[in-house]
């Protein structure tokens, strides 16, 4: 049973909070109405941590949807490294949604989800939080991107032979 003082130095909790840009240790600890040296049930700590992080991500989620005109489809979000994630309908599975990941050299990968909400929450969890409308168009016009796509196409053609 950790106290607030012990939670402050717990490497796992510090790591979880560090992965969430808007999280802070003190904000998290303020959820517990106890003094710094009073014990808190460990299960309560971890459930509260998950709830705290989920609430922060839901705030980002709501902000992104508002900034994208209330729409999920076509949402373009970037991470701190400038990589792009786009949310599209999944062409192979009607009613499903695709997160398509891109970097400066072209498409990297994609993941498929049952709902647009699940897809966007995953993108946020992976660090894609900055609304960057038009970024895919800008990337696709870049010569470095076009070179990367040509290489992927050549590799794909060679593998199909």
N, C-alpha and C. Protein backbone atom coordinates (compact mmCIF):
# COMPACT_ATOMS: atom_id res chain seq x y z
N UNK A 1 0.85 -1.17 0.00
CA UNK A 1 0.00 0.00 0.00
C UNK A 1 0.90 1.24 0.00
N UNK A 2 0.98 1.93 -1.13
CA UNK A 2 1.87 3.09 -1.20
C UNK A 2 1.22 4.36 -0.64
N UNK A 3 2.07 5.25 -0.23
CA UNK A 3 1.63 6.59 0.16
C UNK A 3 1.85 7.51 -1.04
N UNK A 4 1.38 8.75 -0.95
CA UNK A 4 1.64 9.71 -2.02
C UNK A 4 3.14 9.91 -2.22
N UNK A 5 3.87 9.93 -1.11
CA UNK A 5 5.33 10.09 -1.21
C UNK A 5 5.96 8.93 -1.99
N UNK A 6 5.47 7.72 -1.78
CA UNK A 6 6.00 6.56 -2.50
C UNK A 6 5.55 6.56 -3.96
N UNK A 7 4.34 7.02 -4.20
CA UNK A 7 3.85 7.11 -5.58
C UNK A 7 4.70 8.08 -6.39
N UNK A 8 5.13 9.18 -5.76
CA UNK A 8 5.94 10.19 -6.44
C UNK A 8 7.25 9.63 -7.00
N UNK A 9 7.75 8.54 -6.42
CA UNK A 9 9.02 7.97 -6.88
C UNK A 9 8.85 6.62 -7.57
N UNK A 10 7.60 6.19 -7.79
CA UNK A 10 7.33 4.92 -8.45
C UNK A 10 7.63 5.06 -9.95
N UNK A 11 8.63 4.31 -10.44
CA UNK A 11 9.07 4.47 -11.83
C UNK A 11 7.99 4.11 -12.85
N UNK A 12 7.10 3.18 -12.51
CA UNK A 12 6.04 2.79 -13.44
C UNK A 12 5.01 3.90 -13.57
N UNK A 13 4.62 4.48 -12.46
CA UNK A 13 3.65 5.57 -12.50
C UNK A 13 4.27 6.80 -13.16
N UNK A 14 5.52 7.09 -12.83
CA UNK A 14 6.21 8.22 -13.46
C UNK A 14 6.24 8.01 -14.98
N UNK A 15 6.54 6.79 -15.41
CA UNK A 15 6.58 6.49 -16.84
C UNK A 15 5.23 6.64 -17.52
N UNK A 16 4.18 6.13 -16.87
CA UNK A 16 2.84 6.26 -17.44
C UNK A 16 2.43 7.72 -17.57
N UNK A 17 2.72 8.51 -16.56
CA UNK A 17 2.38 9.93 -16.60
C UNK A 17 3.22 10.67 -17.64
N UNK A 18 4.47 10.27 -17.79
CA UNK A 18 5.36 10.93 -18.76
C UNK A 18 4.90 10.69 -20.19
N UNK A 19 4.21 9.58 -20.44
CA UNK A 19 3.72 9.28 -21.78
C UNK A 19 2.47 10.06 -22.15
N UNK A 20 1.91 10.75 -21.21
CA UNK A 20 0.70 11.55 -21.45
C UNK A 20 1.08 13.03 -21.30
N UNK A 21 1.20 13.78 -22.41
CA UNK A 21 1.72 15.15 -22.35
C UNK A 21 1.01 16.09 -21.39
N UNK A 22 -0.28 15.93 -21.20
CA UNK A 22 -1.00 16.87 -20.33
C UNK A 22 -1.12 16.38 -18.89
N UNK A 23 -0.49 15.25 -18.57
CA UNK A 23 -0.57 14.69 -17.22
C UNK A 23 0.47 15.31 -16.30
N UNK A 24 0.14 15.37 -15.03
CA UNK A 24 1.12 15.78 -14.03
C UNK A 24 0.95 14.93 -12.78
N UNK A 25 2.04 14.67 -12.11
CA UNK A 25 2.01 13.86 -10.89
C UNK A 25 1.13 14.52 -9.84
N UNK A 26 1.29 15.82 -9.64
CA UNK A 26 0.52 16.49 -8.59
C UNK A 26 -0.97 16.50 -8.91
N UNK A 27 -1.31 16.71 -10.17
CA UNK A 27 -2.72 16.67 -10.57
C UNK A 27 -3.30 15.29 -10.29
N UNK A 28 -2.53 14.25 -10.62
CA UNK A 28 -2.98 12.88 -10.36
C UNK A 28 -3.13 12.64 -8.86
N UNK A 29 -2.15 13.03 -8.07
CA UNK A 29 -2.20 12.79 -6.62
C UNK A 29 -3.31 13.56 -5.93
N UNK A 30 -3.71 14.67 -6.50
CA UNK A 30 -4.82 15.45 -5.92
C UNK A 30 -6.15 14.70 -5.97
N UNK A 31 -6.20 13.60 -6.70
CA UNK A 31 -7.41 12.78 -6.76
C UNK A 31 -7.62 12.00 -5.47
N UNK A 32 -6.59 11.91 -4.64
CA UNK A 32 -6.66 11.14 -3.39
C UNK A 32 -6.73 12.09 -2.20
N UNK A 33 -7.83 12.05 -1.45
CA UNK A 33 -8.00 12.97 -0.31
C UNK A 33 -7.30 12.46 0.96
N UNK A 34 -5.99 12.22 0.85
CA UNK A 34 -5.21 11.75 2.00
C UNK A 34 -3.94 12.60 2.10
N UNK A 35 -3.31 12.55 3.27
CA UNK A 35 -2.04 13.27 3.45
C UNK A 35 -0.92 12.47 2.78
N UNK A 36 0.23 13.11 2.60
CA UNK A 36 1.32 12.53 1.82
C UNK A 36 1.84 11.20 2.34
N UNK A 37 1.80 10.96 3.64
CA UNK A 37 2.37 9.72 4.16
C UNK A 37 1.32 8.66 4.50
N UNK A 38 0.07 8.92 4.16
CA UNK A 38 -1.01 7.95 4.42
C UNK A 38 -1.09 6.95 3.27
N UNK A 39 -1.25 5.68 3.60
CA UNK A 39 -1.31 4.63 2.58
C UNK A 39 -2.58 4.69 1.75
N UNK A 40 -2.42 4.32 0.47
CA UNK A 40 -3.54 4.24 -0.47
C UNK A 40 -3.52 2.83 -1.05
N UNK A 41 -4.68 2.24 -1.20
CA UNK A 41 -4.79 0.89 -1.76
C UNK A 41 -4.19 0.88 -3.17
N UNK A 42 -3.31 -0.09 -3.43
CA UNK A 42 -2.59 -0.16 -4.70
C UNK A 42 -3.53 -0.31 -5.89
N UNK A 43 -4.56 -1.12 -5.75
CA UNK A 43 -5.53 -1.29 -6.84
C UNK A 43 -6.22 0.03 -7.13
N UNK A 44 -6.57 0.76 -6.09
CA UNK A 44 -7.19 2.08 -6.25
C UNK A 44 -6.25 3.02 -6.99
N UNK A 45 -4.97 2.97 -6.67
CA UNK A 45 -3.99 3.83 -7.34
C UNK A 45 -3.97 3.54 -8.84
N UNK A 46 -3.85 2.27 -9.20
CA UNK A 46 -3.74 1.94 -10.63
C UNK A 46 -5.05 2.15 -11.39
N UNK A 47 -6.18 1.88 -10.77
CA UNK A 47 -7.46 2.16 -11.42
C UNK A 47 -7.64 3.67 -11.59
N UNK A 48 -7.25 4.43 -10.58
CA UNK A 48 -7.34 5.88 -10.67
C UNK A 48 -6.40 6.43 -11.74
N UNK A 49 -5.21 5.85 -11.83
CA UNK A 49 -4.26 6.27 -12.85
C UNK A 49 -4.84 6.05 -14.24
N UNK A 50 -5.41 4.87 -14.45
CA UNK A 50 -6.01 4.58 -15.76
C UNK A 50 -7.16 5.54 -16.06
N UNK A 51 -8.00 5.79 -15.07
CA UNK A 51 -9.10 6.73 -15.26
C UNK A 51 -8.61 8.14 -15.55
N UNK A 52 -7.59 8.57 -14.84
CA UNK A 52 -7.00 9.89 -15.04
C UNK A 52 -6.46 10.04 -16.47
N UNK A 53 -5.69 9.05 -16.92
CA UNK A 53 -5.13 9.09 -18.27
C UNK A 53 -6.22 9.02 -19.33
N UNK A 54 -7.22 8.18 -19.11
CA UNK A 54 -8.34 8.08 -20.05
C UNK A 54 -9.08 9.42 -20.17
N UNK A 55 -9.30 10.09 -19.05
CA UNK A 55 -9.99 11.38 -19.08
C UNK A 55 -9.19 12.42 -19.86
N UNK A 56 -7.87 12.43 -19.67
CA UNK A 56 -7.04 13.37 -20.42
C UNK A 56 -7.10 13.08 -21.92
N UNK A 57 -7.09 11.81 -22.28
CA UNK A 57 -7.16 11.44 -23.70
C UNK A 57 -8.53 11.77 -24.29
N UNK A 58 -9.58 11.62 -23.50
CA UNK A 58 -10.93 11.98 -23.97
C UNK A 58 -11.04 13.47 -24.23
N UNK A 59 -10.33 14.28 -23.46
CA UNK A 59 -10.32 15.72 -23.71
C UNK A 59 -9.65 16.03 -25.05
N UNK A 60 -8.54 15.35 -25.33
CA UNK A 60 -7.86 15.52 -26.61
C UNK A 60 -8.78 15.05 -27.74
N UNK A 61 -9.43 13.92 -27.54
CA UNK A 61 -10.38 13.34 -28.50
C UNK A 61 -11.45 14.38 -28.87
N UNK A 62 -12.10 14.94 -27.85
CA UNK A 62 -13.18 15.91 -28.09
C UNK A 62 -12.66 17.14 -28.83
N UNK A 63 -11.49 17.61 -28.45
CA UNK A 63 -10.90 18.78 -29.10
C UNK A 63 -10.61 18.51 -30.58
N UNK A 64 -10.06 17.34 -30.88
CA UNK A 64 -9.76 17.00 -32.27
C UNK A 64 -11.02 16.92 -33.13
N UNK A 65 -12.06 16.33 -32.59
CA UNK A 65 -13.32 16.22 -33.35
C UNK A 65 -13.90 17.61 -33.60
N UNK A 66 -13.88 18.45 -32.60
CA UNK A 66 -14.39 19.82 -32.78
C UNK A 66 -13.57 20.54 -33.85
N UNK A 67 -12.25 20.43 -33.76
CA UNK A 67 -11.37 21.12 -34.71
C UNK A 67 -11.51 20.57 -36.12
N UNK A 68 -12.02 19.35 -36.25
CA UNK A 68 -12.22 18.75 -37.57
C UNK A 68 -13.67 18.88 -38.03
N UNK A 69 -14.39 19.82 -37.49
CA UNK A 69 -15.76 20.09 -37.91
C UNK A 69 -16.75 19.02 -37.51
N UNK A 70 -16.46 18.29 -36.42
CA UNK A 70 -17.37 17.26 -35.94
C UNK A 70 -17.23 15.93 -36.65
N UNK A 71 -16.25 15.81 -37.52
CA UNK A 71 -16.08 14.60 -38.33
C UNK A 71 -14.88 13.77 -37.88
N UNK A 72 -15.04 12.46 -37.94
CA UNK A 72 -13.92 11.54 -37.72
C UNK A 72 -13.18 11.30 -39.02
N UNK A 73 -13.92 10.98 -40.06
CA UNK A 73 -13.34 10.58 -41.34
C UNK A 73 -12.57 11.75 -41.94
N UNK A 74 -11.35 11.44 -42.36
CA UNK A 74 -10.49 12.46 -42.95
C UNK A 74 -9.65 13.21 -41.94
N UNK A 75 -9.78 12.87 -40.69
CA UNK A 75 -8.99 13.54 -39.64
C UNK A 75 -7.51 13.25 -39.86
N UNK A 76 -6.70 14.30 -39.82
CA UNK A 76 -5.25 14.17 -39.97
C UNK A 76 -4.61 14.72 -38.70
N UNK A 77 -3.82 13.87 -38.03
CA UNK A 77 -3.15 14.27 -36.80
C UNK A 77 -1.68 13.87 -36.86
N UNK A 78 -0.83 14.70 -36.28
CA UNK A 78 0.61 14.45 -36.28
C UNK A 78 1.11 14.22 -34.86
N UNK A 79 2.27 13.56 -34.78
CA UNK A 79 2.92 13.39 -33.48
C UNK A 79 4.07 14.39 -33.36
N UNK A 80 4.81 14.32 -32.26
CA UNK A 80 5.90 15.28 -32.02
C UNK A 80 7.01 15.19 -33.05
N UNK A 81 7.19 14.03 -33.67
CA UNK A 81 8.24 13.86 -34.68
C UNK A 81 7.79 14.33 -36.07
N UNK A 82 6.53 14.74 -36.18
CA UNK A 82 6.02 15.19 -37.46
C UNK A 82 5.43 14.09 -38.32
N UNK A 83 5.37 12.88 -37.79
CA UNK A 83 4.72 11.79 -38.53
C UNK A 83 3.22 12.00 -38.54
N UNK A 84 2.57 11.48 -39.54
CA UNK A 84 1.15 11.73 -39.76
C UNK A 84 0.33 10.46 -39.58
N UNK A 85 -0.86 10.63 -39.03
CA UNK A 85 -1.83 9.55 -38.91
C UNK A 85 -3.16 10.08 -39.44
N UNK A 86 -3.78 9.33 -40.35
CA UNK A 86 -5.05 9.74 -40.94
C UNK A 86 -6.10 8.68 -40.64
N UNK A 87 -7.33 9.13 -40.45
CA UNK A 87 -8.44 8.22 -40.19
C UNK A 87 -9.35 8.19 -41.42
N UNK A 88 -9.50 7.00 -41.99
CA UNK A 88 -10.30 6.81 -43.20
C UNK A 88 -11.25 5.63 -43.03
N UNK A 89 -12.30 5.55 -43.86
CA UNK A 89 -13.09 4.31 -43.90
C UNK A 89 -12.18 3.19 -44.41
N UNK A 90 -12.38 1.98 -43.93
CA UNK A 90 -11.58 0.83 -44.37
C UNK A 90 -12.23 0.24 -45.62
N UNK A 91 -11.56 0.29 -46.78
CA UNK A 91 -12.18 -0.19 -48.01
C UNK A 91 -12.43 -1.70 -48.04
N UNK A 92 -11.62 -2.50 -47.36
CA UNK A 92 -11.80 -3.95 -47.39
C UNK A 92 -12.90 -4.44 -46.46
N UNK A 93 -13.20 -3.67 -45.43
CA UNK A 93 -14.20 -4.08 -44.43
C UNK A 93 -15.18 -2.94 -44.21
N UNK A 94 -16.26 -2.90 -44.99
CA UNK A 94 -17.24 -1.82 -44.85
C UNK A 94 -17.71 -1.67 -43.40
N UNK A 95 -17.81 -0.42 -42.96
CA UNK A 95 -18.23 -0.13 -41.60
C UNK A 95 -17.08 -0.08 -40.61
N UNK A 96 -15.86 -0.43 -41.07
CA UNK A 96 -14.68 -0.36 -40.23
C UNK A 96 -13.85 0.86 -40.63
N UNK A 97 -12.84 1.16 -39.81
CA UNK A 97 -12.04 2.36 -40.03
C UNK A 97 -10.56 2.04 -39.99
N UNK A 98 -9.80 2.79 -40.77
CA UNK A 98 -8.37 2.58 -40.90
C UNK A 98 -7.61 3.78 -40.36
N UNK A 99 -6.61 3.49 -39.53
CA UNK A 99 -5.60 4.50 -39.19
C UNK A 99 -4.45 4.25 -40.15
N UNK A 100 -4.12 5.24 -40.93
CA UNK A 100 -3.05 5.13 -41.91
C UNK A 100 -1.89 6.01 -41.43
N UNK A 101 -0.72 5.39 -41.26
CA UNK A 101 0.45 6.09 -40.72
C UNK A 101 1.42 6.43 -41.84
N UNK A 102 1.97 7.65 -41.79
CA UNK A 102 2.87 8.15 -42.82
C UNK A 102 4.03 8.88 -42.17
N UNK A 103 5.18 8.82 -42.84
CA UNK A 103 6.29 9.70 -42.46
C UNK A 103 6.71 10.47 -43.70
N UNK A 104 7.83 11.16 -43.63
CA UNK A 104 8.24 12.02 -44.74
C UNK A 104 8.60 11.23 -46.00
N UNK A 105 8.78 9.92 -45.88
CA UNK A 105 9.15 9.10 -47.05
C UNK A 105 7.97 8.35 -47.64
N UNK A 106 6.78 8.47 -47.04
CA UNK A 106 5.61 7.79 -47.59
C UNK A 106 4.83 7.03 -46.54
N UNK A 107 3.89 6.20 -47.00
CA UNK A 107 3.09 5.40 -46.07
C UNK A 107 3.97 4.42 -45.30
N UNK A 108 3.65 4.22 -44.04
CA UNK A 108 4.43 3.31 -43.19
C UNK A 108 3.64 2.05 -42.87
N UNK A 109 2.40 2.23 -42.41
CA UNK A 109 1.57 1.08 -42.04
C UNK A 109 0.14 1.55 -41.84
N UNK A 110 -0.74 0.59 -41.54
CA UNK A 110 -2.10 0.96 -41.16
C UNK A 110 -2.65 -0.08 -40.20
N UNK A 111 -3.65 0.34 -39.44
CA UNK A 111 -4.36 -0.53 -38.50
C UNK A 111 -5.85 -0.36 -38.74
N UNK A 112 -6.62 -1.43 -38.52
CA UNK A 112 -8.07 -1.40 -38.78
C UNK A 112 -8.82 -1.55 -37.46
N UNK A 113 -9.90 -0.78 -37.32
CA UNK A 113 -10.72 -0.77 -36.10
C UNK A 113 -12.19 -0.89 -36.45
N UNK A 114 -12.96 -1.39 -35.51
CA UNK A 114 -14.41 -1.55 -35.69
C UNK A 114 -15.14 -0.23 -35.71
N UNK A 115 -14.64 0.75 -34.96
CA UNK A 115 -15.30 2.05 -34.91
C UNK A 115 -14.29 3.17 -35.10
N UNK A 116 -14.77 4.30 -35.55
CA UNK A 116 -13.92 5.48 -35.69
C UNK A 116 -13.44 5.95 -34.33
N UNK A 117 -14.28 5.80 -33.31
CA UNK A 117 -13.92 6.22 -31.96
C UNK A 117 -12.72 5.42 -31.45
N UNK A 118 -12.76 4.09 -31.66
CA UNK A 118 -11.62 3.24 -31.24
C UNK A 118 -10.35 3.66 -31.97
N UNK A 119 -10.48 3.91 -33.25
CA UNK A 119 -9.31 4.29 -34.05
C UNK A 119 -8.70 5.59 -33.54
N UNK A 120 -9.54 6.59 -33.30
CA UNK A 120 -9.01 7.87 -32.85
C UNK A 120 -8.40 7.77 -31.45
N UNK A 121 -9.02 7.02 -30.56
CA UNK A 121 -8.45 6.85 -29.22
C UNK A 121 -7.08 6.17 -29.31
N UNK A 122 -6.93 5.22 -30.20
CA UNK A 122 -5.63 4.56 -30.38
C UNK A 122 -4.60 5.55 -30.92
N UNK A 123 -4.99 6.36 -31.89
CA UNK A 123 -4.06 7.36 -32.43
C UNK A 123 -3.58 8.30 -31.32
N UNK A 124 -4.50 8.73 -30.48
CA UNK A 124 -4.15 9.62 -29.37
C UNK A 124 -3.20 8.90 -28.41
N UNK A 125 -3.50 7.65 -28.10
CA UNK A 125 -2.64 6.87 -27.20
C UNK A 125 -1.23 6.71 -27.76
N UNK A 126 -1.12 6.68 -29.09
CA UNK A 126 0.18 6.53 -29.74
C UNK A 126 0.91 7.87 -29.90
N UNK A 127 0.29 8.96 -29.43
CA UNK A 127 0.95 10.26 -29.46
C UNK A 127 0.57 11.16 -30.61
N UNK A 128 -0.41 10.77 -31.41
CA UNK A 128 -0.87 11.61 -32.52
C UNK A 128 -1.96 12.53 -31.98
N UNK A 129 -1.62 13.81 -31.78
CA UNK A 129 -2.53 14.73 -31.09
C UNK A 129 -2.68 16.09 -31.75
N UNK A 130 -1.79 16.43 -32.66
CA UNK A 130 -1.84 17.75 -33.28
C UNK A 130 -2.67 17.70 -34.56
N UNK A 131 -3.74 18.46 -34.59
CA UNK A 131 -4.62 18.53 -35.77
C UNK A 131 -3.85 19.20 -36.90
N UNK A 132 -3.63 18.48 -38.00
CA UNK A 132 -2.84 19.00 -39.11
C UNK A 132 -3.58 18.79 -40.43
N UNK A 133 -4.70 19.49 -40.63
CA UNK A 133 -5.45 19.30 -41.87
C UNK A 133 -4.61 19.68 -43.09
N UNK A 134 -4.73 18.88 -44.14
CA UNK A 134 -4.00 19.12 -45.37
C UNK A 134 -2.59 18.57 -45.38
N UNK A 135 -2.15 17.99 -44.28
CA UNK A 135 -0.77 17.49 -44.20
C UNK A 135 -0.51 16.35 -45.19
N UNK A 136 -1.48 15.47 -45.39
CA UNK A 136 -1.29 14.37 -46.34
C UNK A 136 -1.09 14.91 -47.75
N UNK A 137 -1.86 15.91 -48.13
CA UNK A 137 -1.68 16.52 -49.46
C UNK A 137 -0.29 17.15 -49.58
N UNK A 138 0.14 17.86 -48.53
CA UNK A 138 1.46 18.48 -48.57
C UNK A 138 2.57 17.43 -48.67
N UNK A 139 2.44 16.36 -47.89
CA UNK A 139 3.45 15.29 -47.95
C UNK A 139 3.50 14.64 -49.32
N UNK A 140 2.33 14.39 -49.90
CA UNK A 140 2.28 13.67 -51.18
C UNK A 140 2.88 14.47 -52.33
N UNK A 141 3.01 15.77 -52.16
CA UNK A 141 3.61 16.61 -53.19
C UNK A 141 5.13 16.74 -53.03
N UNK A 142 5.65 16.27 -51.91
CA UNK A 142 7.08 16.39 -51.62
C UNK A 142 7.88 15.39 -52.46
N UNK A 143 8.98 15.81 -53.09
CA UNK A 143 9.79 14.89 -53.91
C UNK A 143 10.33 13.69 -53.11
N UNK A 144 10.67 13.90 -51.85
CA UNK A 144 11.16 12.80 -51.01
C UNK A 144 10.07 11.74 -50.85
N UNK A 145 8.84 12.17 -50.65
CA UNK A 145 7.69 11.28 -50.53
C UNK A 145 7.50 10.51 -51.84
N UNK A 146 7.53 11.22 -52.96
CA UNK A 146 7.32 10.59 -54.25
C UNK A 146 8.41 9.57 -54.55
N UNK A 147 9.64 9.86 -54.16
CA UNK A 147 10.74 8.90 -54.32
C UNK A 147 10.47 7.66 -53.47
N UNK A 148 10.04 7.87 -52.22
CA UNK A 148 9.73 6.75 -51.33
C UNK A 148 8.62 5.87 -51.89
N UNK A 149 7.57 6.48 -52.42
CA UNK A 149 6.48 5.71 -53.01
C UNK A 149 6.94 4.91 -54.22
N UNK A 150 7.82 5.51 -55.02
CA UNK A 150 8.34 4.80 -56.19
C UNK A 150 9.12 3.56 -55.75
N UNK A 151 9.92 3.70 -54.71
CA UNK A 151 10.69 2.56 -54.19
C UNK A 151 9.77 1.46 -53.65
N UNK A 152 8.74 1.85 -52.93
CA UNK A 152 7.78 0.87 -52.40
C UNK A 152 7.11 0.14 -53.55
N UNK A 153 6.71 0.88 -54.57
CA UNK A 153 6.05 0.28 -55.73
C UNK A 153 6.98 -0.70 -56.44
N UNK A 154 8.24 -0.33 -56.60
CA UNK A 154 9.22 -1.23 -57.23
C UNK A 154 9.41 -2.50 -56.41
N UNK A 155 9.52 -2.34 -55.12
CA UNK A 155 9.70 -3.50 -54.23
C UNK A 155 8.48 -4.41 -54.29
N UNK A 156 7.31 -3.83 -54.24
CA UNK A 156 6.07 -4.60 -54.30
C UNK A 156 5.98 -5.37 -55.61
N UNK A 157 6.32 -4.70 -56.71
CA UNK A 157 6.28 -5.36 -58.02
C UNK A 157 7.27 -6.52 -58.08
N UNK A 158 8.46 -6.32 -57.54
CA UNK A 158 9.47 -7.38 -57.54
C UNK A 158 9.03 -8.58 -56.70
N UNK A 159 8.36 -8.34 -55.61
CA UNK A 159 7.89 -9.42 -54.75
C UNK A 159 6.75 -10.22 -55.38
N UNK A 160 5.98 -9.60 -56.23
CA UNK A 160 4.83 -10.26 -56.86
C UNK A 160 5.24 -11.14 -58.03
N UNK A 161 6.46 -11.03 -58.49
CA UNK A 161 6.91 -11.82 -59.66
C UNK A 161 7.10 -13.24 -59.31
